[in-house]
N, C-alpha and C. Protein backbone atom coordinates (compact mmCIF):
# COMPACT_ATOMS: atom_id res chain seq x y z
N MET A 1 -39.12 34.09 -25.79
CA MET A 1 -37.71 34.13 -26.09
C MET A 1 -37.00 34.99 -25.20
N VAL A 2 -36.86 35.47 -25.21
CA VAL A 2 -36.30 35.80 -23.12
C VAL A 2 -36.30 35.25 -22.58
N THR A 3 -36.82 34.20 -22.05
CA THR A 3 -36.19 33.61 -20.78
C THR A 3 -35.78 32.13 -21.24
N ALA A 4 -36.31 32.01 -22.89
CA ALA A 4 -35.39 30.76 -23.53
C ALA A 4 -33.49 30.99 -23.26
N ALA A 5 -33.40 32.38 -23.90
CA ALA A 5 -32.18 32.74 -23.61
C ALA A 5 -31.21 32.87 -22.72
N ILE A 6 -32.59 33.22 -21.52
CA ILE A 6 -31.86 33.25 -20.15
C ILE A 6 -31.84 32.09 -19.65
N SER A 7 -32.32 31.34 -19.90
CA SER A 7 -31.65 29.87 -19.49
C SER A 7 -30.95 29.29 -20.13
N GLY A 8 -30.88 29.44 -21.37
CA GLY A 8 -29.70 29.10 -22.14
C GLY A 8 -28.44 29.50 -21.72
N LEU A 9 -28.28 30.36 -21.29
CA LEU A 9 -27.46 31.31 -20.45
C LEU A 9 -26.96 30.96 -18.94
N GLU A 10 -28.36 30.42 -18.37
CA GLU A 10 -27.55 29.65 -17.13
C GLU A 10 -27.02 28.24 -17.48
N MET A 11 -27.75 28.29 -18.68
CA MET A 11 -27.20 26.23 -18.86
C MET A 11 -25.91 26.76 -19.06
N VAL A 12 -24.86 27.49 -19.66
CA VAL A 12 -24.09 27.65 -20.15
C VAL A 12 -23.22 27.63 -19.14
N LEU A 13 -23.46 28.69 -18.40
CA LEU A 13 -22.70 28.99 -17.08
C LEU A 13 -22.80 28.02 -15.84
N LEU A 14 -23.62 27.34 -15.52
CA LEU A 14 -23.72 25.92 -14.93
C LEU A 14 -22.63 24.86 -15.17
N ALA A 15 -22.49 24.49 -17.28
CA ALA A 15 -21.60 23.94 -17.64
C ALA A 15 -20.09 24.76 -17.29
N GLN A 16 -19.91 25.90 -17.56
CA GLN A 16 -18.46 26.45 -17.70
C GLN A 16 -18.13 26.36 -16.09
N ARG A 17 -19.24 26.28 -14.58
CA ARG A 17 -19.01 26.36 -13.30
C ARG A 17 -18.86 24.69 -13.11
N ALA A 18 -18.91 23.71 -13.32
CA ALA A 18 -18.96 22.21 -13.35
C ALA A 18 -18.22 22.17 -14.28
N ALA A 19 -17.58 22.10 -15.32
CA ALA A 19 -16.66 21.89 -15.96
C ALA A 19 -14.53 22.29 -15.27
N GLU A 20 -15.29 24.09 -14.34
CA GLU A 20 -14.25 24.13 -13.92
C GLU A 20 -14.29 23.83 -12.31
N ALA A 21 -15.14 22.91 -12.02
CA ALA A 21 -15.01 22.60 -10.74
C ALA A 21 -14.29 21.14 -10.87
N ARG A 22 -14.51 20.58 -12.00
CA ARG A 22 -13.78 18.85 -12.79
C ARG A 22 -12.29 19.13 -12.60
N THR A 23 -11.56 20.28 -12.88
CA THR A 23 -10.69 20.57 -13.34
C THR A 23 -9.74 21.20 -12.24
N SER A 24 -10.22 22.06 -11.26
CA SER A 24 -9.49 22.55 -9.92
C SER A 24 -9.55 21.35 -8.68
N GLU A 25 -10.31 20.54 -8.59
CA GLU A 25 -10.53 19.30 -7.99
C GLU A 25 -9.37 19.33 -7.58
N ILE A 26 -8.88 19.08 -6.15
CA ILE A 26 -7.89 18.82 -5.07
C ILE A 26 -7.85 16.58 -5.53
N GLY A 27 -5.91 16.70 -5.61
CA GLY A 27 -6.20 15.69 -5.72
C GLY A 27 -5.76 14.56 -4.89
N PRO A 28 -5.18 13.61 -4.95
CA PRO A 28 -4.87 12.90 -3.72
C PRO A 28 -3.29 13.88 -2.84
N GLY A 29 -2.74 14.28 -3.52
CA GLY A 29 -1.98 15.14 -2.71
C GLY A 29 -0.41 14.62 -2.35
N LEU A 30 0.23 15.55 -1.78
CA LEU A 30 1.26 14.75 -1.38
C LEU A 30 1.72 14.11 0.30
N ILE A 31 1.05 13.87 0.65
CA ILE A 31 0.62 13.20 1.80
C ILE A 31 -0.05 11.56 1.71
N ALA A 32 -0.55 11.15 0.96
CA ALA A 32 -1.24 10.06 0.17
C ALA A 32 -0.17 9.95 -0.42
N PHE A 33 1.25 10.49 -1.38
CA PHE A 33 1.84 10.16 -1.84
C PHE A 33 2.78 9.41 -0.54
N SER A 34 3.15 10.22 -0.07
CA SER A 34 4.25 9.79 1.18
C SER A 34 3.57 8.49 1.89
N ILE A 35 2.18 8.30 2.17
CA ILE A 35 1.81 7.06 2.40
C ILE A 35 2.40 5.88 1.82
N VAL A 36 2.02 6.15 0.62
CA VAL A 36 2.51 4.85 0.23
C VAL A 36 3.81 5.02 -0.46
N VAL A 37 5.10 5.87 -0.10
CA VAL A 37 6.16 5.57 -0.17
C VAL A 37 6.22 4.57 1.27
N LEU A 38 5.92 5.33 2.10
CA LEU A 38 6.06 4.53 3.66
C LEU A 38 6.04 2.70 3.23
N LEU A 39 4.51 3.24 2.93
CA LEU A 39 3.99 1.14 3.15
C LEU A 39 4.93 0.72 2.18
N ALA A 40 5.73 0.88 0.81
CA ALA A 40 6.62 0.37 0.34
C ALA A 40 7.50 0.46 1.05
N VAL A 41 8.49 1.40 1.77
CA VAL A 41 9.82 1.14 2.63
C VAL A 41 8.93 0.15 3.72
N ALA A 42 7.98 -0.28 4.34
CA ALA A 42 7.92 -0.98 5.06
C ALA A 42 7.70 -2.31 4.86
N THR A 43 7.31 -2.71 4.08
CA THR A 43 7.30 -3.77 2.63
C THR A 43 8.49 -4.38 2.81
N PHE A 44 9.03 -3.68 2.10
CA PHE A 44 10.90 -4.10 1.67
C PHE A 44 11.59 -4.53 3.31
N LEU A 45 11.49 -3.48 4.18
CA LEU A 45 12.00 -3.60 5.29
C LEU A 45 11.74 -5.41 6.51
N LEU A 46 10.06 -5.53 6.04
CA LEU A 46 9.86 -6.86 6.29
C LEU A 46 10.18 -7.86 5.50
N LEU A 47 10.34 -7.73 4.34
CA LEU A 47 10.14 -9.08 3.41
C LEU A 47 11.58 -8.77 3.57
N ARG A 48 12.83 -8.29 3.73
CA ARG A 48 14.26 -8.29 4.30
C ARG A 48 14.61 -9.13 5.59
N SER A 49 13.28 -9.00 6.73
CA SER A 49 13.21 -8.91 7.63
C SER A 49 13.25 -11.10 7.59
N MET A 50 12.02 -10.90 6.99
CA MET A 50 11.77 -12.52 6.87
C MET A 50 12.87 -13.10 5.94
N MET A 51 13.24 -12.93 4.86
CA MET A 51 14.57 -13.60 4.72
C MET A 51 15.30 -14.01 5.23
N ARG A 52 16.11 -12.46 6.20
CA ARG A 52 16.81 -13.16 7.17
C ARG A 52 16.88 -14.30 8.17
N HIS A 53 15.13 -14.25 8.73
CA HIS A 53 14.72 -15.34 9.57
C HIS A 53 14.73 -16.94 8.72
N ILE A 54 14.30 -16.45 7.72
CA ILE A 54 14.14 -17.93 6.76
C ILE A 54 15.35 -18.67 6.33
N ARG A 55 16.38 -17.28 6.07
CA ARG A 55 17.89 -18.40 6.37
C ARG A 55 18.13 -19.16 7.08
N LYS A 56 17.90 -18.71 8.75
CA LYS A 56 18.25 -19.49 9.70
C LYS A 56 17.32 -20.54 10.12
N VAL A 57 16.71 -20.59 9.95
CA VAL A 57 15.97 -22.28 9.52
C VAL A 57 16.45 -23.68 9.25
N PRO A 58 16.48 -24.72 9.97
CA PRO A 58 17.49 -25.42 9.55
C PRO A 58 16.94 -26.41 8.26
N PRO A 59 17.39 -26.87 7.51
CA PRO A 59 16.17 -27.55 6.24
C PRO A 59 15.81 -28.92 6.72
N THR A 60 15.88 -29.42 7.94
CA THR A 60 14.96 -30.47 8.60
C THR A 60 15.05 -30.54 9.73
N PHE A 61 13.23 -30.69 10.33
CA PHE A 61 13.09 -30.35 11.62
C PHE A 61 13.00 -32.20 12.56
N ASP A 62 14.35 -32.10 12.80
CA ASP A 62 14.54 -33.61 13.61
C ASP A 62 14.13 -33.48 15.04
N ASN A 63 13.82 -34.49 15.77
CA ASN A 63 13.05 -34.11 17.21
C ASN A 63 14.36 -34.40 18.01
N GLU A 64 15.26 -35.03 17.99
CA GLU A 64 16.52 -34.96 18.56
C GLU A 64 17.73 -34.39 17.57
N PRO A 65 18.53 -33.57 18.34
CA PRO A 65 20.03 -33.38 17.64
C PRO A 65 20.39 -34.34 17.68
N ALA A 66 21.80 -34.81 16.03
CA ALA A 66 22.47 -35.52 15.99
C ALA A 66 23.64 -35.94 17.44
N ASP A 67 23.85 -34.73 17.96
CA ASP A 67 24.54 -35.47 19.40
C ASP A 67 24.33 -35.73 20.06
N GLU A 68 23.00 -35.80 20.46
CA GLU A 68 22.00 -36.64 21.80
C GLU A 68 21.69 -37.64 20.90
N ALA A 69 21.58 -37.96 20.00
CA ALA A 69 20.90 -39.49 19.31
C ALA A 69 22.13 -40.28 19.36
N SER A 70 22.94 -40.40 19.69
CA SER A 70 24.11 -41.69 19.90
C SER A 70 23.88 -42.19 21.02
N GLY A 71 23.29 -42.00 21.70
CA GLY A 71 22.71 -42.72 23.25
C GLY A 71 23.87 -42.89 24.47
N ASP A 72 24.33 -41.43 24.41
CA ASP A 72 25.30 -42.07 25.38
C ASP A 72 24.79 -40.88 26.41
N ASP A 73 24.22 -41.61 27.46
CA ASP A 73 23.39 -40.83 28.69
C ASP A 73 24.20 -41.40 29.47
N VAL A 74 24.65 -40.54 30.36
CA VAL A 74 25.47 -40.36 31.59
C VAL A 74 24.42 -39.99 32.79
N GLY A 75 23.49 -40.97 33.29
CA GLY A 75 22.94 -40.06 33.92
C GLY A 75 21.95 -40.33 35.33
């Protein structure tokens, strides 16, 4: 009976220690949050730059520009 009480007490203490370990674990923290924010800002800046470059693309890709298509070759 005494050994059962000791082992029961040990089990209770182990369960309490396990519960404390789960609640006091270190979370991702400030470093992980700042990395996520940095990645979000970088993504935003890349998308903005890409949109600027896409606006500069002509609507059609003709092989010869309109000025040279007239056939006035002085050569």
